Amino acid sequence: MVVVVEENHGYSSVIGSSAMPYLNSLAAQYGLATQYYANTHPSIGNYFMMTAGQIITNNDSFSSTVTADNLVRHLLSGGKTWKSYAESIPSVGYIGGDTGLYARKHNPLSYFSDVVNSSAQRLNLVPFTQFATDLNNNQLPDFSFIAPNLQDDAHDGSLAQADTWLKANMAPLLSNPGFQKNGLLVIVFDEAGTSDTTHGGGRVAAVVIGPLTKKGFQSTTLYQHQNLLKTIATYLGIDGNIGSAGSAAPMSDMLQ
């Protein structure tokens, strides 16, 4: 399973936008969650909700180690492998702050004590350049978290740039024979514009892609980032009782 997180654009500016033809083609071909809402503003709390089932903090400058229950802990206890592929991260295992186009607040797995305090697990924090290598060598982990850099995630760059990046990097994944068997890709925006506080963080686009998704399907179920976390756990067959994901439903209406 692969999750790609884009930045700071509401549903109406993404879905139907001529700036994002590739993402819209995926939304039309696969599954689109039309009532998906972020949990808070600004970014960081949403990233923690989708990986720890709680907001943890709304301070984008947060740099502490998070000891709360989290996805990495459950992946490890469930015998699953993982990697966080962060574009522009300066080195493998880097747990420092922002540098260049890399924003740590967009790389939530780098905060968890299960990673920070483990020399072995820190090795799963890798530059995004490793993704193509792992894909080509059929060595993708069970769970991949992908954080494009500040230019390619639509935070500082345009939606068109983000769309071009998605096509260049996700099209090879979708055509990979291993992915075509039972892979699942979710492309989701972390939050809407700050003026939209509906359900906390505003309405955002979430596209669910893969051979086992319903084709051309639009879900009208209310989903938030804790539902995505529950979906990750359910799809990978691990314990999904992680924070508020424990009482959240997986996005099962979008799967066959």
C-alpha atoms as a PDB file:
ATOM      1  CA  MET A   1       0.000   0.000   0.000  1.00  0.00           C
ATOM      2  CA  VAL A   2       1.224   3.458  -0.955  1.00  0.00           C
ATOM      3  CA  VAL A   3       0.033   6.837   0.384  1.00  0.00           C
ATOM      4  CA  VAL A   4       1.017  10.118  -1.291  1.00  0.00           C
ATOM      5  CA  VAL A   5       0.120  13.353   0.482  1.00  0.00           C
ATOM      6  CA  GLU A   6      -0.353  16.623  -1.378  1.00  0.00           C
ATOM      7  CA  GLU A   7      -0.672  20.033   0.223  1.00  0.00           C
ATOM      8  CA  ASN A   8      -3.084  22.817   1.034  1.00  0.00           C
ATOM      9  CA  HIS A   9      -5.749  22.773  -1.694  1.00  0.00           C
ATOM     10  CA  GLY A  10      -9.468  22.242  -1.318  1.00  0.00           C
ATOM     11  CA  TYR A  11     -11.559  19.726  -3.224  1.00  0.00           C
ATOM     12  CA  SER A  12     -13.089  22.238  -5.633  1.00  0.00           C
ATOM     13  CA  SER A  13      -9.700  23.581  -6.725  1.00  0.00           C
ATOM     14  CA  VAL A  14      -8.422  20.070  -7.503  1.00  0.00           C
ATOM     15  CA  ILE A  15     -11.284  17.940  -8.802  1.00  0.00           C
ATOM     16  CA  GLY A  16     -12.272  19.146 -12.249  1.00  0.00           C
ATOM     17  CA  SER A  17      -9.223  21.387 -12.459  1.00  0.00           C
ATOM     18  CA  SER A  18      -7.512  21.655 -15.840  1.00  0.00           C
ATOM     19  CA  ALA A  19      -4.246  22.049 -13.911  1.00  0.00           C
ATOM     20  CA  MET A  20      -4.390  18.420 -12.758  1.00  0.00           C
ATOM     21  CA  PRO A  21      -5.401  16.256 -15.722  1.00  0.00           C
ATOM     22  CA  TYR A  22      -3.524  13.180 -14.500  1.00  0.00           C
ATOM     23  CA  LEU A  23      -5.010  13.135 -11.001  1.00  0.00           C
ATOM     24  CA  ASN A  24      -8.468  13.776 -12.430  1.00  0.00           C
ATOM     25  CA  SER A  25      -8.043  10.918 -14.891  1.00  0.00           C
ATOM     26  CA  LEU A  26      -7.246   8.620 -11.955  1.00  0.00           C
ATOM     27  CA  ALA A  27     -10.240   9.946 -10.027  1.00  0.00           C
ATOM     28  CA  ALA A  28     -12.494   9.194 -12.984  1.00  0.00           C
ATOM     29  CA  GLN A  29     -11.049   5.734 -13.642  1.00  0.00           C
ATOM     30  CA  TYR A  30     -10.812   4.528 -10.035  1.00  0.00           C
ATOM     31  CA  GLY A  31     -12.343   5.789  -6.782  1.00  0.00           C
ATOM     32  CA  LEU A  32     -12.968   9.330  -5.572  1.00  0.00           C
ATOM     33  CA  ALA A  33     -14.011  10.176  -2.019  1.00  0.00           C
ATOM     34  CA  THR A  34     -16.274  13.176  -2.544  1.00  0.00           C
ATOM     35  CA  GLN A  35     -16.874  13.820   1.165  1.00  0.00           C
ATOM     36  CA  TYR A  36     -13.365  13.557   2.565  1.00  0.00           C
ATOM     37  CA  TYR A  37     -12.430  16.241   5.098  1.00  0.00           C
ATOM     38  CA  ALA A  38      -9.162  17.088   6.789  1.00  0.00           C
ATOM     39  CA  ASN A  39      -9.137  17.277  10.578  1.00  0.00           C
ATOM     40  CA  THR A  40      -7.430  20.554  11.410  1.00  0.00           C
ATOM     41  CA  HIS A  41      -5.217  23.429  10.307  1.00  0.00           C
ATOM     42  CA  PRO A  42      -2.250  23.674   9.772  1.00  0.00           C
ATOM     43  CA  SER A  43      -0.551  20.703   8.147  1.00  0.00           C
ATOM     44  CA  ILE A  44       1.141  18.805  10.922  1.00  0.00           C
ATOM     45  CA  GLY A  45      -1.940  17.733  12.862  1.00  0.00           C
ATOM     46  CA  ASN A  46      -3.386  16.131   9.749  1.00  0.00           C
ATOM     47  CA  TYR A  47      -0.231  14.129   9.116  1.00  0.00           C
ATOM     48  CA  PHE A  48      -0.333  12.853  12.684  1.00  0.00           C
ATOM     49  CA  MET A  49      -4.025  11.993  12.399  1.00  0.00           C
ATOM     50  CA  MET A  50      -3.319   9.776   9.386  1.00  0.00           C
ATOM     51  CA  THR A  51      -0.432   7.999  11.136  1.00  0.00           C
ATOM     52  CA  ALA A  52      -1.244   8.135  14.878  1.00  0.00           C
ATOM     53  CA  GLY A  53      -5.009   8.635  14.959  1.00  0.00           C
ATOM     54  CA  GLN A  54      -4.690  11.890  16.869  1.00  0.00           C
ATOM     55  CA  ILE A  55      -3.691  15.445  16.058  1.00  0.00           C
ATOM     56  CA  ILE A  56      -0.760  15.464  18.562  1.00  0.00           C
ATOM     57  CA  THR A  57       0.014  19.150  17.844  1.00  0.00           C
ATOM     58  CA  ASN A  58      -0.973  22.077  15.659  1.00  0.00           C
ATOM     59  CA  ASN A  59       2.508  23.581  15.863  1.00  0.00           C
ATOM     60  CA  ASP A  60       4.170  23.218  12.458  1.00  0.00           C
ATOM     61  CA  SER A  61       7.531  23.873  14.149  1.00  0.00           C
ATOM     62  CA  PHE A  62       7.093  20.905  16.499  1.00  0.00           C
ATOM     63  CA  SER A  63      10.314  18.917  16.864  1.00  0.00           C
ATOM     64  CA  SER A  64       9.740  16.610  19.827  1.00  0.00           C
ATOM     65  CA  THR A  65       9.686  12.817  19.739  1.00  0.00           C
ATOM     66  CA  VAL A  66       6.167  11.359  19.750  1.00  0.00           C
ATOM     67  CA  THR A  67       5.678   8.341  22.013  1.00  0.00           C
ATOM     68  CA  ALA A  68       1.951   7.927  21.294  1.00  0.00           C
ATOM     69  CA  ASP A  69       0.668   4.768  19.660  1.00  0.00           C
ATOM     70  CA  ASN A  70       1.238   4.951  15.923  1.00  0.00           C
ATOM     71  CA  LEU A  71       1.207   3.181  12.586  1.00  0.00           C
ATOM     72  CA  VAL A  72       4.878   2.183  12.660  1.00  0.00           C
ATOM     73  CA  ARG A  73       4.386   0.393  15.970  1.00  0.00           C
ATOM     74  CA  HIS A  74       1.454  -1.558  14.534  1.00  0.00           C
ATOM     75  CA  LEU A  75       3.254  -2.343  11.279  1.00  0.00           C
ATOM     76  CA  LEU A  76       6.170  -3.784  13.216  1.00  0.00           C
ATOM     77  CA  SER A  77       4.006  -5.784  15.625  1.00  0.00           C
ATOM     78  CA  GLY A  78       2.080  -7.075  12.606  1.00  0.00           C
ATOM     79  CA  GLY A  79       5.247  -8.239  10.886  1.00  0.00           C
ATOM     80  CA  LYS A  80       4.975  -5.699   8.053  1.00  0.00           C
ATOM     81  CA  THR A  81       7.675  -3.647   6.365  1.00  0.00           C
ATOM     82  CA  TRP A  82       7.554   0.104   5.764  1.00  0.00           C
ATOM     83  CA  LYS A  83       9.449   3.050   4.355  1.00  0.00           C
ATOM     84  CA  SER A  84       8.917   6.779   4.242  1.00  0.00           C
ATOM     85  CA  TYR A  85      10.095   8.153   0.910  1.00  0.00           C
ATOM     86  CA  ALA A  86      10.621  11.874   1.429  1.00  0.00           C
ATOM     87  CA  GLU A  87      11.704  13.966  -1.512  1.00  0.00           C
ATOM     88  CA  SER A  88      14.695  16.222  -0.776  1.00  0.00           C
ATOM     89  CA  ILE A  89      15.431  14.688   2.635  1.00  0.00           C
ATOM     90  CA  PRO A  90      19.211  15.186   2.958  1.00  0.00           C
ATOM     91  CA  SER A  91      20.170  11.649   3.931  1.00  0.00           C
ATOM     92  CA  VAL A  92      18.913   8.212   4.928  1.00  0.00           C
ATOM     93  CA  GLY A  93      17.771   8.218   8.546  1.00  0.00           C
ATOM     94  CA  TYR A  94      17.629  12.003   8.827  1.00  0.00           C
ATOM     95  CA  ILE A  95      15.537  13.095  11.821  1.00  0.00           C
ATOM     96  CA  GLY A  96      16.545  16.752  11.839  1.00  0.00           C
ATOM     97  CA  GLY A  97      14.511  19.801  10.920  1.00  0.00           C
ATOM     98  CA  ASP A  98      13.546  21.501   7.672  1.00  0.00           C
ATOM     99  CA  THR A  99      16.255  21.979   5.095  1.00  0.00           C
ATOM    100  CA  GLY A 100      15.966  23.210   1.528  1.00  0.00           C
ATOM    101  CA  LEU A 101      12.744  21.874   0.001  1.00  0.00           C
ATOM    102  CA  TYR A 102      12.337  19.209   2.695  1.00  0.00           C
ATOM    103  CA  ALA A 103       9.744  19.868   5.413  1.00  0.00           C
ATOM    104  CA  ARG A 104       9.839  17.522   8.385  1.00  0.00           C
ATOM    105  CA  LYS A 105       6.216  18.379   9.250  1.00  0.00           C
ATOM    106  CA  HIS A 106       5.249  16.510   6.064  1.00  0.00           C
ATOM    107  CA  ASN A 107       7.165  13.385   7.140  1.00  0.00           C
ATOM    108  CA  PRO A 108       5.263  12.238  10.240  1.00  0.00           C
ATOM    109  CA  LEU A 109       6.910   8.847  10.615  1.00  0.00           C
ATOM    110  CA  SER A 110      10.167  10.653  11.410  1.00  0.00           C
ATOM    111  CA  TYR A 111       8.766  11.834  14.772  1.00  0.00           C
ATOM    112  CA  PHE A 112       7.753   8.521  16.315  1.00  0.00           C
ATOM    113  CA  SER A 113       9.859   7.097  19.133  1.00  0.00           C
ATOM    114  CA  ASP A 114       9.664   3.691  17.430  1.00  0.00           C
ATOM    115  CA  VAL A 115      11.743   5.225  14.627  1.00  0.00           C
ATOM    116  CA  VAL A 116      13.783   7.947  16.347  1.00  0.00           C
ATOM    117  CA  ASN A 117      15.068   5.585  19.042  1.00  0.00           C
ATOM    118  CA  SER A 118      15.872   2.709  16.683  1.00  0.00           C
ATOM    119  CA  SER A 119      18.940   2.794  14.472  1.00  0.00           C
ATOM    120  CA  ALA A 120      17.360   0.032  12.373  1.00  0.00           C
ATOM    121  CA  GLN A 121      14.014   1.748  11.862  1.00  0.00           C
ATOM    122  CA  ARG A 122      15.608   5.099  11.057  1.00  0.00           C
ATOM    123  CA  LEU A 123      17.026   3.427   7.953  1.00  0.00           C
ATOM    124  CA  ASN A 124      13.455   3.353   6.609  1.00  0.00           C
ATOM    125  CA  LEU A 125      13.478   7.156   6.328  1.00  0.00           C
ATOM    126  CA  VAL A 126      14.853   7.418   2.807  1.00  0.00           C
ATOM    127  CA  PRO A 127      15.096   9.933  -0.032  1.00  0.00           C
ATOM    128  CA  PHE A 128      12.357   9.652  -2.649  1.00  0.00           C
ATOM    129  CA  THR A 129      14.948   8.687  -5.258  1.00  0.00           C
ATOM    130  CA  GLN A 130      14.963   5.270  -3.561  1.00  0.00           C
ATOM    131  CA  PHE A 131      11.324   4.673  -4.550  1.00  0.00           C
ATOM    132  CA  ALA A 132      12.017   4.055  -8.235  1.00  0.00           C
ATOM    133  CA  THR A 133      14.900   1.753  -7.317  1.00  0.00           C
ATOM    134  CA  ASP A 134      12.782  -0.276  -4.925  1.00  0.00           C
ATOM    135  CA  LEU A 135       9.921  -0.419  -7.430  1.00  0.00           C
ATOM    136  CA  ASN A 136      12.154  -1.597 -10.257  1.00  0.00           C
ATOM    137  CA  ASN A 137      13.734  -4.224  -8.012  1.00  0.00           C
ATOM    138  CA  ASN A 138      10.351  -5.417  -6.712  1.00  0.00           C
ATOM    139  CA  GLN A 139      11.454  -4.420  -3.220  1.00  0.00           C
ATOM    140  CA  LEU A 140       8.727  -2.010  -2.170  1.00  0.00           C
ATOM    141  CA  PRO A 141       7.750  -2.485   1.485  1.00  0.00           C
ATOM    142  CA  ASP A 142       4.248  -3.440   2.585  1.00  0.00           C
ATOM    143  CA  PHE A 143       3.559   0.224   3.361  1.00  0.00           C
ATOM    144  CA  SER A 144       5.076   3.233   1.608  1.00  0.00           C
ATOM    145  CA  PHE A 145       4.507   6.803   2.779  1.00  0.00           C
ATOM    146  CA  ILE A 146       5.476   9.342   0.116  1.00  0.00           C
ATOM    147  CA  ALA A 147       6.083  13.022   0.830  1.00  0.00           C
ATOM    148  CA  PRO A 148       6.926  15.090  -2.260  1.00  0.00           C
ATOM    149  CA  ASN A 149       9.000  18.185  -1.546  1.00  0.00           C
ATOM    150  CA  LEU A 150       7.587  21.688  -1.083  1.00  0.00           C
ATOM    151  CA  GLN A 151       7.642  22.368  -4.816  1.00  0.00           C
ATOM    152  CA  ASP A 152       6.158  19.068  -5.957  1.00  0.00           C
ATOM    153  CA  ASP A 153       3.389  18.696  -3.335  1.00  0.00           C
ATOM    154  CA  ALA A 154       1.597  21.929  -4.374  1.00  0.00           C
ATOM    155  CA  HIS A 155       2.607  23.667  -1.130  1.00  0.00           C
ATOM    156  CA  ASP A 156       4.907  26.160  -2.834  1.00  0.00           C
ATOM    157  CA  GLY A 157       4.681  24.903  -6.406  1.00  0.00           C
ATOM    158  CA  SER A 158       1.618  24.905  -8.639  1.00  0.00           C
ATOM    159  CA  LEU A 159      -1.048  22.244  -8.945  1.00  0.00           C
ATOM    160  CA  ALA A 160       0.193  21.660 -12.490  1.00  0.00           C
ATOM    161  CA  GLN A 161       3.687  20.928 -11.176  1.00  0.00           C
ATOM    162  CA  ALA A 162       2.274  18.522  -8.608  1.00  0.00           C
ATOM    163  CA  ASP A 163       0.261  16.774 -11.317  1.00  0.00           C
ATOM    164  CA  THR A 164       3.286  16.428 -13.569  1.00  0.00           C
ATOM    165  CA  TRP A 165       5.214  14.935 -10.648  1.00  0.00           C
ATOM    166  CA  LEU A 166       2.414  12.467  -9.915  1.00  0.00           C
ATOM    167  CA  LYS A 167       2.284  11.283 -13.506  1.00  0.00           C
ATOM    168  CA  ALA A 168       6.047  10.884 -13.752  1.00  0.00           C
ATOM    169  CA  ASN A 169       6.343   8.954 -10.504  1.00  0.00           C
ATOM    170  CA  MET A 170       3.043   7.135  -9.977  1.00  0.00           C
ATOM    171  CA  ALA A 171       2.381   5.891 -13.513  1.00  0.00           C
ATOM    172  CA  PRO A 172       5.323   3.433 -13.252  1.00  0.00           C
ATOM    173  CA  LEU A 173       3.869   2.168  -9.959  1.00  0.00           C
ATOM    174  CA  LEU A 174       0.436   1.567 -11.475  1.00  0.00           C
ATOM    175  CA  SER A 175       1.925  -0.386 -14.373  1.00  0.00           C
ATOM    176  CA  ASN A 176       4.114  -2.521 -12.117  1.00  0.00           C
ATOM    177  CA  PRO A 177       3.082  -6.211 -12.217  1.00  0.00           C
ATOM    178  CA  GLY A 178       3.353  -6.550  -8.454  1.00  0.00           C
ATOM    179  CA  PHE A 179       1.123  -3.545  -7.858  1.00  0.00           C
ATOM    180  CA  GLN A 180      -1.355  -4.806 -10.432  1.00  0.00           C
ATOM    181  CA  LYS A 181      -1.954  -7.922  -8.345  1.00  0.00           C
ATOM    182  CA  ASN A 182      -3.156  -6.341  -5.115  1.00  0.00           C
ATOM    183  CA  GLY A 183      -1.614  -2.882  -4.715  1.00  0.00           C
ATOM    184  CA  LEU A 184      -3.460   0.127  -3.345  1.00  0.00           C
ATOM    185  CA  LEU A 185      -2.473   3.766  -3.881  1.00  0.00           C
ATOM    186  CA  VAL A 186      -4.155   6.644  -2.070  1.00  0.00           C
ATOM    187  CA  ILE A 187      -3.430  10.222  -3.146  1.00  0.00           C
ATOM    188  CA  VAL A 188      -4.839  12.667  -0.598  1.00  0.00           C
ATOM    189  CA  PHE A 189      -4.471  16.338   0.279  1.00  0.00           C
ATOM    190  CA  ASP A 190      -3.555  17.097   3.881  1.00  0.00           C
ATOM    191  CA  GLU A 191      -5.900  20.070   4.300  1.00  0.00           C
ATOM    192  CA  ALA A 192      -7.960  22.567   2.358  1.00  0.00           C
ATOM    193  CA  GLY A 193      -7.271  26.292   2.325  1.00  0.00           C
ATOM    194  CA  THR A 194      -7.304  27.797   5.814  1.00  0.00           C
ATOM    195  CA  SER A 195     -10.603  29.570   5.136  1.00  0.00           C
ATOM    196  CA  ASP A 196     -12.350  26.171   4.985  1.00  0.00           C
ATOM    197  CA  THR A 197     -12.673  24.740   8.487  1.00  0.00           C
ATOM    198  CA  THR A 198     -15.498  22.299   7.737  1.00  0.00           C
ATOM    199  CA  HIS A 199     -15.015  19.251   9.981  1.00  0.00           C
ATOM    200  CA  GLY A 200     -11.812  20.915  11.159  1.00  0.00           C
ATOM    201  CA  GLY A 201      -9.612  21.066   8.083  1.00  0.00           C
ATOM    202  CA  GLY A 202     -11.926  21.497   5.111  1.00  0.00           C
ATOM    203  CA  ARG A 203     -12.969  19.375   2.176  1.00  0.00           C
ATOM    204  CA  VAL A 204     -10.118  17.781   0.257  1.00  0.00           C
ATOM    205  CA  ALA A 205      -9.579  15.374  -2.615  1.00  0.00           C
ATOM    206  CA  ALA A 206      -8.810  11.741  -1.866  1.00  0.00           C
ATOM    207  CA  VAL A 207      -8.341   9.329  -4.773  1.00  0.00           C
ATOM    208  CA  VAL A 208      -8.164   5.562  -4.179  1.00  0.00           C
ATOM    209  CA  ILE A 209      -6.409   3.656  -6.955  1.00  0.00           C
ATOM    210  CA  GLY A 210      -5.631   0.015  -7.633  1.00  0.00           C
ATOM    211  CA  PRO A 211      -6.784  -3.261  -9.139  1.00  0.00           C
ATOM    212  CA  LEU A 212      -9.108  -4.001  -6.212  1.00  0.00           C
ATOM    213  CA  THR A 213     -10.872  -0.637  -6.156  1.00  0.00           C
ATOM    214  CA  LYS A 214     -14.291  -0.058  -7.655  1.00  0.00           C
ATOM    215  CA  LYS A 215     -13.850   1.497 -11.056  1.00  0.00           C
ATOM    216  CA  GLY A 216     -15.354   4.904 -11.746  1.00  0.00           C
ATOM    217  CA  PHE A 217     -16.770   4.983  -8.207  1.00  0.00           C
ATOM    218  CA  GLN A 218     -17.608   8.072  -6.177  1.00  0.00           C
ATOM    219  CA  SER A 219     -18.070   7.606  -2.456  1.00  0.00           C
ATOM    220  CA  THR A 220     -20.412   9.983  -0.633  1.00  0.00           C
ATOM    221  CA  THR A 221     -19.449   8.666   2.812  1.00  0.00           C
ATOM    222  CA  LEU A 222     -17.946  11.168   5.233  1.00  0.00           C
ATOM    223  CA  TYR A 223     -14.281  10.294   5.673  1.00  0.00           C
ATOM    224  CA  GLN A 224     -11.371  11.917   7.472  1.00  0.00           C
ATOM    225  CA  HIS A 225      -7.721  11.072   7.984  1.00  0.00           C
ATOM    226  CA  GLN A 226      -8.489   8.565  10.757  1.00  0.00           C
ATOM    227  CA  ASN A 227     -10.518   6.610   8.198  1.00  0.00           C
ATOM    228  CA  LEU A 228      -7.474   6.500   5.950  1.00  0.00           C
ATOM    229  CA  LEU A 229      -5.397   5.189   8.860  1.00  0.00           C
ATOM    230  CA  LYS A 230      -7.992   2.490   9.511  1.00  0.00           C
ATOM    231  CA  THR A 231      -7.975   1.641   5.796  1.00  0.00           C
ATOM    232  CA  ILE A 232      -4.186   1.227   5.814  1.00  0.00           C
ATOM    233  CA  ALA A 233      -4.385  -1.129   8.777  1.00  0.00           C
ATOM    234  CA  THR A 234      -7.310  -3.101   7.385  1.00  0.00           C
ATOM    235  CA  TYR A 235      -5.774  -3.472   3.940  1.00  0.00           C
ATOM    236  CA  LEU A 236      -2.481  -4.675   5.395  1.00  0.00           C
ATOM    237  CA  GLY A 237      -4.138  -6.955   7.932  1.00  0.00           C
ATOM    238  CA  ILE A 238      -2.727  -5.320  11.052  1.00  0.00           C
ATOM    239  CA  ASP A 239      -4.383  -4.048  14.232  1.00  0.00           C
ATOM    240  CA  GLY A 240      -6.166  -0.790  13.406  1.00  0.00           C
ATOM    241  CA  ASN A 241      -6.854   0.273  16.975  1.00  0.00           C
ATOM    242  CA  ILE A 242      -4.614   3.347  16.688  1.00  0.00           C
ATOM    243  CA  GLY A 243      -6.046   6.424  18.369  1.00  0.00           C
ATOM    244  CA  SER A 244      -9.320   7.536  16.825  1.00  0.00           C
ATOM    245  CA  ALA A 245      -8.810   5.072  13.968  1.00  0.00           C
ATOM    246  CA  GLY A 246      -9.954   2.444  16.449  1.00  0.00           C
ATOM    247  CA  SER A 247     -13.539   3.646  16.209  1.00  0.00           C
ATOM    248  CA  ALA A 248     -13.327   4.795  12.577  1.00  0.00           C
ATOM    249  CA  ALA A 249     -14.583   2.799   9.603  1.00  0.00           C
ATOM    250  CA  PRO A 250     -12.227   1.790   6.811  1.00  0.00           C
ATOM    251  CA  MET A 251     -13.015   3.191   3.357  1.00  0.00           C
ATOM    252  CA  SER A 252     -14.318  -0.220   2.344  1.00  0.00           C
ATOM    253  CA  ASP A 253     -17.111   1.075   0.083  1.00  0.00           C
ATOM    254  CA  MET A 254     -14.380   2.067  -2.376  1.00  0.00           C
ATOM    255  CA  LEU A 255     -12.973  -1.445  -2.645  1.00  0.00           C
ATOM    256  CA  GLN A 256     -14.398  -4.423  -4.483  1.00  0.00           C
END
